[in-house]
Amino acid sequence: MTHLQAGLSPETLEKARLELNENPDTLHQDIQEVRDMVITRPDIGFLRTDDAFILRFLRARKFHHFEAFRLLAQYFEYRQQNLDMFKSFKATDPGIKQALKDGFPGGLANLDHYGRKILVLFAANWDQSRYTLVDILRAILLSLEAMIEDPELQVNGFVLIIDWSNFTFKQASKLTPSMLRLAIEGLQDSFPARFGGIHFVNQPWYIHALYTVIRPFLKEKTRKRVFQVMHSASPHYSNTSSDVINLCCEKLIFLHGNNLNSLHQLIHPEILPSEFGGMLPPYDMGTWARTLLDHEYDDDSEYNVDSYSMPVKEVEKELSPKSMKRSQSVVDPTVLKRMDKNEEENMQPLLSLD
């Protein structure tokens, strides 16, 4: 074991070896091979190339050197292309602070049985009069930056639960294709985190419809991992515990609806708050915010949602296919075709982020 692995438990060290192909004998060589590729992208400012920083990208891509470098390049490229997002990129920024205090994101105290950090989002908490959707994305990215410093989470990864209870159609109308794409670019293609499961609960019909909007922006690998989870009430199919657990191994996003039994088969109710049918008290939305803000949590400052200057037209311009450098980010028009009625009625899509 090298000093770069000093923060890992024996169990996580073994997991890194078996699942991520991490070898302490070649670790420095692996890191140097990624670092040597930096010269191939003189158009990108690589602000960090130290060993510990590069290692998190190798872990996120299972020590495939080129894939790790591509992720590293996209990490910095995303920040170059969206400079305004990363101005005042700190927890005390008024927009980020408001989002954090409303639980964007939240983090449960206990890890799941795979050692993954459980992030939670309560979508209806979004107060559009106080902060923007971009502020929420910035708060999530900032939180991930803090959490990914933990080497255990670099190996074990994250699970995300999104509760759509009371999320209104008016709120959903703000989830424009350009903004959704901005979020997907930032999380799927440009951040070194392993997402081991994303769970939607209590989602209304218009959240199901969002899949047709975001599908073109997902990796082909992700689109091929679409699977339909049927609840036991279906006359055609019923899930057994083994069915659901096997699906979890495929790292899917599950649409649970208001039936939380399948969620509990994947994340034990003993570690979940009552909002998710768990045995713990209701989640305190300010828990993670207090960790980041410390004594500045109660120091509220005035914030105008218009003070974050990034008009939608500018977002759309920046995210247009002509302006994108990565070929995988260009939308294939064929995926925008309308589904026929049977396909639309029968499909409850599940996604995966790898």
Protein backbone atom coordinates (compact mmCIF):
# COMPACT_ATOMS: atom_id res chain seq x y z
CA MET A 1 0.00 0.00 0.00
CA THR A 2 1.35 3.44 -0.97
CA HIS A 3 0.76 6.72 0.86
CA LEU A 4 -1.91 7.54 -1.75
CA GLN A 5 -3.99 4.66 -0.40
CA ALA A 6 -3.48 5.56 3.26
CA GLY A 7 -7.08 6.67 3.73
CA LEU A 8 -8.61 3.37 2.64
CA SER A 9 -9.80 0.60 4.93
CA PRO A 10 -8.59 -2.96 4.21
CA GLU A 11 -12.04 -3.80 2.80
CA THR A 12 -12.00 -0.80 0.46
CA LEU A 13 -8.44 -1.54 -0.63
CA GLU A 14 -9.58 -5.00 -1.71
CA LYS A 15 -12.61 -3.52 -3.46
CA ALA A 16 -10.37 -1.07 -5.32
CA ARG A 17 -8.19 -3.95 -6.46
CA LEU A 18 -11.02 -6.20 -7.59
CA GLU A 19 -13.51 -3.67 -9.01
CA LEU A 20 -11.32 -0.77 -10.13
CA ASN A 21 -8.12 -2.60 -11.13
CA GLU A 22 -6.11 -0.51 -8.66
CA ASN A 23 -2.63 -1.92 -8.15
CA PRO A 24 -0.36 -0.32 -5.52
CA ASP A 25 2.72 -1.59 -7.37
CA THR A 26 1.87 0.40 -10.53
CA LEU A 27 -0.08 3.29 -9.00
CA HIS A 28 2.53 5.97 -9.62
CA GLN A 29 3.08 4.73 -13.16
CA ASP A 30 -0.66 4.81 -13.82
CA ILE A 31 -0.85 8.39 -12.58
CA GLN A 32 2.14 9.47 -14.64
CA GLU A 33 0.68 7.98 -17.83
CA VAL A 34 -2.41 10.13 -17.39
CA ARG A 35 -0.30 13.19 -16.58
CA ASP A 36 1.78 12.66 -19.72
CA MET A 37 -1.36 13.05 -21.85
CA VAL A 38 -1.95 16.61 -20.65
CA ILE A 39 0.36 17.94 -23.36
CA THR A 40 -2.05 16.64 -26.02
CA ARG A 41 -4.67 19.24 -25.00
CA PRO A 42 -2.91 22.63 -25.02
CA ASP A 43 -6.34 24.29 -25.38
CA ILE A 44 -7.24 23.35 -21.80
CA GLY A 45 -5.83 24.86 -18.66
CA PHE A 46 -5.13 21.92 -16.33
CA LEU A 47 -5.06 23.74 -13.00
CA ARG A 48 -4.24 20.61 -10.99
CA THR A 49 -2.21 17.58 -12.00
CA ASP A 50 -0.93 16.35 -8.64
CA ASP A 51 -0.98 12.64 -7.84
CA ALA A 52 -3.94 12.67 -5.45
CA PHE A 53 -6.06 14.68 -7.90
CA ILE A 54 -5.35 12.46 -10.91
CA LEU A 55 -5.96 9.34 -8.81
CA ARG A 56 -9.65 10.20 -8.31
CA PHE A 57 -10.11 10.29 -12.10
CA LEU A 58 -8.40 6.91 -12.49
CA ARG A 59 -10.70 5.43 -9.87
CA ALA A 60 -13.76 6.92 -11.57
CA ARG A 61 -12.80 5.20 -14.82
CA LYS A 62 -11.51 1.91 -13.38
CA PHE A 63 -7.89 2.72 -14.23
CA HIS A 64 -8.43 2.94 -17.97
CA HIS A 65 -5.76 5.55 -18.64
CA PHE A 66 -7.26 7.23 -21.69
CA GLU A 67 -10.78 7.31 -20.24
CA ALA A 68 -9.40 8.80 -17.01
CA PHE A 69 -7.55 11.47 -19.00
CA ARG A 70 -10.62 12.26 -21.07
CA LEU A 71 -12.62 12.75 -17.87
CA LEU A 72 -9.85 14.97 -16.47
CA ALA A 73 -9.84 17.05 -19.66
CA GLN A 74 -13.62 17.36 -19.65
CA TYR A 75 -13.58 18.40 -16.00
CA PHE A 76 -11.46 21.46 -16.80
CA GLU A 77 -13.05 22.07 -20.19
CA TYR A 78 -16.51 22.26 -18.61
CA ARG A 79 -15.22 24.89 -16.22
CA GLN A 80 -13.62 26.87 -19.05
CA GLN A 81 -16.82 26.79 -21.11
CA ASN A 82 -18.99 27.85 -18.16
CA LEU A 83 -16.81 30.42 -16.43
CA ASP A 84 -19.72 32.31 -14.88
CA MET A 85 -20.84 29.17 -13.04
CA PHE A 86 -17.54 28.94 -11.21
CA LYS A 87 -17.15 32.58 -10.23
CA SER A 88 -17.59 32.84 -6.46
CA PHE A 89 -17.69 29.04 -6.34
CA LYS A 90 -17.91 28.71 -2.57
CA ALA A 91 -20.50 27.80 0.02
CA THR A 92 -20.95 31.42 1.12
CA ASP A 93 -21.97 32.57 -2.36
CA PRO A 94 -25.57 33.79 -1.78
CA GLY A 95 -27.21 31.60 -4.45
CA ILE A 96 -25.26 28.48 -3.48
CA LYS A 97 -25.90 29.13 0.20
CA GLN A 98 -29.67 29.41 -0.27
CA ALA A 99 -29.72 26.17 -2.27
CA LEU A 100 -27.61 24.36 0.33
CA LYS A 101 -29.88 25.47 3.18
CA ASP A 102 -32.89 24.06 1.32
CA GLY A 103 -31.18 20.69 1.05
CA PHE A 104 -29.63 20.87 -2.43
CA PRO A 105 -28.06 18.47 -1.83
CA GLY A 106 -28.61 16.68 1.45
CA GLY A 107 -26.47 13.87 2.76
CA LEU A 108 -27.51 11.08 5.11
CA ALA A 109 -25.35 10.32 8.11
CA ASN A 110 -25.08 6.59 7.40
CA LEU A 111 -23.49 4.95 4.36
CA ASP A 112 -25.36 2.19 2.56
CA HIS A 113 -24.27 -1.43 2.85
CA TYR A 114 -21.82 -0.94 -0.05
CA GLY A 115 -20.10 1.96 1.71
CA ARG A 116 -21.68 4.57 -0.59
CA LYS A 117 -22.66 8.07 0.48
CA ILE A 118 -26.42 8.60 0.18
CA LEU A 119 -27.32 11.98 -1.26
CA VAL A 120 -30.92 13.20 -1.11
CA LEU A 121 -32.79 15.89 -3.02
CA PHE A 122 -36.28 17.08 -2.14
CA ALA A 123 -37.25 18.67 -5.44
CA ALA A 124 -40.25 20.65 -4.14
CA ASN A 125 -37.94 22.63 -1.82
CA TRP A 126 -36.73 24.66 -4.80
CA ASP A 127 -37.83 28.25 -4.15
CA GLN A 128 -37.58 29.86 -7.59
CA SER A 129 -37.94 33.32 -6.09
CA ARG A 130 -34.73 32.93 -4.07
CA TYR A 131 -32.25 31.06 -6.29
CA THR A 132 -31.96 29.55 -9.75
CA LEU A 133 -31.65 26.05 -11.08
CA VAL A 134 -28.05 26.88 -11.94
CA ASP A 135 -27.47 27.76 -8.28
CA ILE A 136 -28.72 24.28 -7.36
CA LEU A 137 -26.32 22.71 -9.86
CA ARG A 138 -23.46 24.80 -8.48
CA ALA A 139 -24.35 23.74 -4.93
CA ILE A 140 -24.36 20.07 -5.95
CA LEU A 141 -21.03 20.36 -7.77
CA LEU A 142 -19.47 22.21 -4.84
CA SER A 143 -20.73 19.54 -2.43
CA LEU A 144 -19.33 16.76 -4.60
CA GLU A 145 -15.97 18.55 -4.67
CA ALA A 146 -15.91 18.46 -0.88
CA MET A 147 -17.11 14.87 -0.59
CA ILE A 148 -14.80 13.44 -3.24
CA GLU A 149 -11.81 14.41 -1.10
CA ASP A 150 -12.66 11.29 0.92
CA PRO A 151 -10.75 8.40 -0.72
CA GLU A 152 -13.35 5.93 0.57
CA LEU A 153 -16.00 7.69 -1.53
CA GLN A 154 -13.70 7.78 -4.54
CA VAL A 155 -13.81 3.99 -4.48
CA ASN A 156 -17.30 3.28 -3.12
CA GLY A 157 -19.15 6.14 -4.80
CA PHE A 158 -22.56 7.67 -4.24
CA VAL A 159 -26.25 6.86 -4.30
CA LEU A 160 -28.80 9.58 -5.02
CA ILE A 161 -32.46 9.64 -3.97
CA ILE A 162 -34.69 12.33 -5.49
CA ASP A 163 -38.09 12.86 -3.88
CA TRP A 164 -40.51 14.53 -6.31
CA SER A 165 -43.38 14.87 -3.82
CA ASN A 166 -45.32 18.11 -4.35
CA PHE A 167 -43.02 19.15 -7.22
CA THR A 168 -45.35 21.26 -9.32
CA PHE A 169 -45.81 21.42 -13.06
CA LYS A 170 -44.77 25.08 -12.86
CA GLN A 171 -41.48 24.09 -11.26
CA ALA A 172 -40.99 21.33 -13.83
CA SER A 173 -41.47 23.83 -16.65
CA LYS A 174 -38.19 25.46 -15.60
CA LEU A 175 -36.31 22.21 -16.34
CA THR A 176 -35.56 23.27 -19.91
CA PRO A 177 -33.50 21.08 -22.28
CA SER A 178 -30.61 23.54 -22.14
CA MET A 179 -30.50 23.53 -18.33
CA LEU A 180 -30.86 19.76 -18.11
CA ARG A 181 -28.06 19.36 -20.58
CA LEU A 182 -25.86 21.71 -18.57
CA ALA A 183 -26.44 19.51 -15.51
CA ILE A 184 -25.81 16.25 -17.37
CA GLU A 185 -22.62 17.62 -18.91
CA GLY A 186 -21.41 18.62 -15.45
CA LEU A 187 -22.24 15.39 -13.65
CA GLN A 188 -22.07 12.62 -16.25
CA ASP A 189 -19.14 13.73 -18.38
CA SER A 190 -17.11 16.09 -16.23
CA PHE A 191 -16.88 14.92 -12.63
CA PRO A 192 -14.86 12.03 -11.14
CA ALA A 193 -17.59 10.44 -9.05
CA ARG A 194 -18.99 6.94 -9.27
CA PHE A 195 -22.78 6.94 -9.09
CA GLY A 196 -23.95 3.51 -8.03
CA GLY A 197 -27.68 4.15 -8.16
CA ILE A 198 -30.17 6.96 -8.68
CA HIS A 199 -33.66 6.54 -7.27
CA PHE A 200 -36.74 8.58 -8.14
CA VAL A 201 -39.59 8.41 -5.63
CA ASN A 202 -43.08 9.93 -5.78
CA GLN A 203 -42.48 11.25 -9.27
CA PRO A 204 -45.49 12.71 -11.17
CA TRP A 205 -46.20 11.88 -14.80
CA TYR A 206 -44.37 14.93 -16.12
CA ILE A 207 -41.13 13.75 -14.53
CA HIS A 208 -41.46 10.50 -16.48
CA ALA A 209 -41.81 12.65 -19.58
CA LEU A 210 -38.50 14.36 -18.83
CA TYR A 211 -36.67 11.21 -19.86
CA THR A 212 -37.53 11.87 -23.49
CA VAL A 213 -35.90 15.28 -23.07
CA ILE A 214 -32.67 14.14 -21.43
CA ARG A 215 -32.22 10.89 -23.35
CA PRO A 216 -30.37 12.50 -26.30
CA PHE A 217 -27.82 14.00 -23.90
CA LEU A 218 -26.95 10.69 -22.22
CA LYS A 219 -24.09 8.48 -23.26
CA GLU A 220 -24.94 5.68 -25.64
CA LYS A 221 -23.83 3.23 -22.96
CA THR A 222 -26.34 4.80 -20.59
CA ARG A 223 -29.17 4.72 -23.13
CA LYS A 224 -28.58 1.01 -23.70
CA ARG A 225 -29.03 0.37 -19.99
CA VAL A 226 -32.69 1.31 -20.00
CA PHE A 227 -34.82 -1.09 -18.01
CA GLN A 228 -38.42 -1.02 -16.90
CA VAL A 229 -39.17 -1.65 -13.25
CA MET A 230 -42.71 -2.86 -12.68
CA HIS A 231 -44.31 -2.82 -9.25
CA SER A 232 -46.07 -5.80 -7.81
CA ALA A 233 -49.43 -4.30 -8.70
CA SER A 234 -48.76 -4.87 -12.37
CA PRO A 235 -50.72 -7.76 -13.92
CA HIS A 236 -47.77 -8.57 -16.16
CA TYR A 237 -44.83 -8.61 -13.81
CA SER A 238 -43.90 -8.54 -10.16
CA ASN A 239 -40.49 -7.80 -8.67
CA THR A 240 -38.93 -10.19 -6.22
CA SER A 241 -36.16 -9.13 -3.89
CA SER A 242 -33.61 -10.95 -6.01
CA ASP A 243 -34.88 -9.20 -9.16
CA VAL A 244 -34.38 -5.78 -7.63
CA ILE A 245 -31.01 -6.60 -6.06
CA ASN A 246 -29.76 -7.96 -9.39
CA LEU A 247 -30.85 -4.71 -11.06
CA CYS A 248 -28.95 -2.73 -8.45
CA CYS A 249 -25.77 -4.50 -9.52
CA GLU A 250 -26.31 -3.02 -12.99
CA LYS A 251 -26.22 0.49 -11.51
CA LEU A 252 -29.55 1.75 -12.77
CA ILE A 253 -31.80 4.65 -11.97
CA PHE A 254 -35.05 3.36 -10.57
CA LEU A 255 -38.45 4.99 -10.86
CA HIS A 256 -40.12 3.79 -7.67
CA GLY A 257 -43.21 5.99 -7.75
CA ASN A 258 -45.01 5.97 -4.39
CA ASN A 259 -44.25 2.30 -3.71
CA LEU A 260 -41.11 2.33 -1.59
CA ASN A 261 -40.77 -1.43 -1.14
CA SER A 262 -38.31 -1.71 -4.03
CA LEU A 263 -36.28 1.19 -2.62
CA HIS A 264 -36.04 -0.60 0.73
CA GLN A 265 -34.76 -3.73 -0.99
CA LEU A 266 -31.81 -1.68 -2.23
CA ILE A 267 -31.29 0.79 0.62
CA HIS A 268 -32.19 -0.54 4.04
CA PRO A 269 -34.96 1.41 5.81
CA GLU A 270 -32.91 1.37 9.03
CA ILE A 271 -30.70 4.14 7.58
CA LEU A 272 -33.42 6.13 5.78
CA PRO A 273 -35.42 9.08 7.16
CA SER A 274 -39.17 8.84 7.48
CA GLU A 275 -39.77 10.71 4.19
CA PHE A 276 -38.56 7.58 2.40
CA GLY A 277 -40.45 5.18 4.61
CA GLY A 278 -37.39 4.71 6.79
CA MET A 279 -37.00 4.24 10.52
CA LEU A 280 -35.11 7.45 11.23
CA PRO A 281 -36.62 10.87 12.06
CA PRO A 282 -37.43 13.31 9.24
CA TYR A 283 -34.38 14.63 7.44
CA ASP A 284 -33.02 18.00 8.61
CA MET A 285 -32.50 19.97 5.38
CA GLY A 286 -29.72 22.06 6.89
CA THR A 287 -27.49 19.16 7.95
CA TRP A 288 -25.03 19.26 5.05
CA ALA A 289 -25.22 23.05 4.74
CA ARG A 290 -24.08 23.42 8.36
CA THR A 291 -21.09 21.19 7.60
CA LEU A 292 -19.99 23.40 4.71
CA LEU A 293 -20.95 26.79 6.15
CA ASP A 294 -20.13 26.22 9.83
CA HIS A 295 -20.60 29.50 11.74
CA GLU A 296 -21.77 31.33 8.60
CA TYR A 297 -24.88 29.18 8.28
CA ASP A 298 -27.10 31.75 10.06
CA ASP A 299 -25.53 34.79 8.40
CA ASP A 300 -28.12 35.49 5.69
CA SER A 301 -27.42 38.06 2.99
CA GLU A 302 -29.74 39.47 0.39
CA TYR A 303 -29.74 37.68 -2.92
CA ASN A 304 -31.60 38.49 -6.12
CA VAL A 305 -32.14 35.53 -8.42
CA ASP A 306 -31.38 37.84 -11.32
CA SER A 307 -27.93 38.57 -9.90
CA TYR A 308 -26.63 35.36 -11.38
CA SER A 309 -26.19 36.44 -14.96
CA MET A 310 -26.54 33.53 -17.32
CA PRO A 311 -29.51 34.05 -19.66
CA VAL A 312 -31.15 30.95 -21.06
CA LYS A 313 -30.33 32.07 -24.60
CA GLU A 314 -26.65 32.20 -23.66
CA VAL A 315 -26.86 28.72 -22.13
CA GLU A 316 -28.49 27.41 -25.30
CA LYS A 317 -25.81 29.10 -27.40
CA GLU A 318 -23.02 27.61 -25.32
CA LEU A 319 -24.61 24.17 -25.44
CA SER A 320 -25.47 24.18 -29.13
CA PRO A 321 -23.90 21.32 -31.15
CA LYS A 322 -21.75 23.81 -33.10
CA SER A 323 -20.12 25.12 -29.94
CA MET A 324 -19.45 21.73 -28.36
CA LYS A 325 -16.01 20.20 -28.81
CA ARG A 326 -16.85 16.69 -27.67
CA SER A 327 -18.47 14.60 -30.32
CA GLN A 328 -20.45 12.54 -27.82
CA SER A 329 -22.25 15.68 -26.73
CA VAL A 330 -23.87 16.31 -30.11
CA VAL A 331 -27.50 15.25 -30.24
CA ASP A 332 -28.45 12.61 -32.77
CA PRO A 333 -31.72 13.87 -34.29
CA THR A 334 -32.98 10.31 -34.69
CA VAL A 335 -33.39 9.92 -30.92
CA LEU A 336 -35.91 12.76 -30.86
CA LYS A 337 -38.53 10.82 -32.84
CA ARG A 338 -41.89 10.43 -31.16
CA MET A 339 -42.60 7.06 -29.57
CA ASP A 340 -45.66 5.22 -30.72
CA LYS A 341 -48.54 4.92 -28.26
CA ASN A 342 -47.77 1.38 -27.07
CA GLU A 343 -44.11 2.11 -26.54
CA GLU A 344 -44.91 5.31 -24.68
CA GLU A 345 -47.44 3.67 -22.39
CA ASN A 346 -45.29 0.66 -21.56
CA MET A 347 -41.96 2.33 -20.95
CA GLN A 348 -40.86 3.60 -17.55
CA PRO A 349 -37.22 4.28 -18.38
CA LEU A 350 -34.38 3.75 -16.00
CA LEU A 351 -30.98 5.25 -16.60
CA SER A 352 -27.49 4.61 -15.34
CA LEU A 353 -24.55 6.89 -14.84
CA ASP A 354 -21.17 5.30 -14.85
